[in-house]
Amino acid sequence: MGRRSLLTTSTIDERIARYRRGESLRAVASHTGNSETAVARILRAHGVALRTRGATPISG
């Protein structure tokens, strides 16, 4: 039996926004108290394409 998510739409949106602004998985995980694996899983589940390791953030 899997663990039940305690994340709200707002906290999920925050993780997605941080990553899309160019923060690394590690930075998002560190800021939000999740593991990199958990953040990656959240992003993938919401259709966010993950950058390759060491990729340069997109300037906007």
Protein backbone atom coordinates (compact mmCIF):
# COMPACT_ATOMS: atom_id res chain seq x y z
CA MET A 1 0.00 0.00 0.00
CA GLY A 2 1.46 3.39 -1.05
CA ARG A 3 1.74 6.48 1.08
CA ARG A 4 -1.02 9.03 0.82
CA SER A 5 0.06 12.43 -0.53
CA LEU A 6 -0.16 15.39 1.81
CA LEU A 7 0.53 17.87 -0.97
CA THR A 8 -2.10 20.42 -1.89
CA THR A 9 -2.64 21.87 -5.34
CA SER A 10 -0.90 25.01 -4.11
CA THR A 11 2.25 23.20 -2.93
CA ILE A 12 2.40 21.15 -6.13
CA ASP A 13 2.04 24.35 -8.19
CA GLU A 14 4.87 25.92 -6.18
CA ARG A 15 7.23 23.04 -7.01
CA ILE A 16 6.29 23.17 -10.69
CA ALA A 17 6.74 26.97 -10.85
CA ARG A 18 10.16 26.84 -9.16
CA TYR A 19 11.37 24.17 -11.57
CA ARG A 20 10.01 26.01 -14.62
CA ARG A 21 11.77 29.19 -13.44
CA GLY A 22 15.03 27.30 -13.75
CA GLU A 23 15.69 25.91 -10.26
CA SER A 24 17.29 22.48 -10.22
CA LEU A 25 15.53 19.43 -8.82
CA ARG A 26 17.98 19.57 -5.93
CA ALA A 27 17.18 23.22 -5.20
CA VAL A 28 13.41 22.66 -5.35
CA ALA A 29 13.74 19.58 -3.13
CA SER A 30 15.92 21.39 -0.62
CA HIS A 31 13.58 24.39 -0.41
CA THR A 32 10.42 22.32 -0.09
CA GLY A 33 11.70 19.52 2.15
CA ASN A 34 11.10 16.75 -0.39
CA SER A 35 13.59 14.36 -1.91
CA GLU A 36 14.76 14.94 -5.50
CA THR A 37 12.98 11.71 -6.43
CA ALA A 38 9.69 12.95 -4.96
CA VAL A 39 9.95 16.28 -6.78
CA ALA A 40 10.77 14.53 -10.07
CA ARG A 41 7.78 12.23 -9.58
CA ILE A 42 5.48 15.21 -8.94
CA LEU A 43 6.76 17.05 -12.00
CA ARG A 44 6.41 14.03 -14.29
CA ALA A 45 2.91 13.31 -12.98
CA HIS A 46 1.91 16.84 -13.99
CA GLY A 47 3.39 16.67 -17.49
CA VAL A 48 6.55 18.68 -16.84
CA ALA A 49 9.50 17.60 -18.99
CA LEU A 50 12.62 17.16 -16.86
CA ARG A 51 15.86 18.79 -17.93
CA THR A 52 19.01 16.71 -18.20
CA ARG A 53 21.52 17.01 -15.37
CA GLY A 54 23.77 20.03 -15.77
CA ALA A 55 21.47 21.71 -18.29
CA THR A 56 21.53 25.49 -18.32
CA PRO A 57 18.34 27.10 -16.97
CA ILE A 58 16.16 28.83 -19.55
CA SER A 59 16.47 32.61 -19.46
CA GLY A 60 13.20 34.42 -19.64
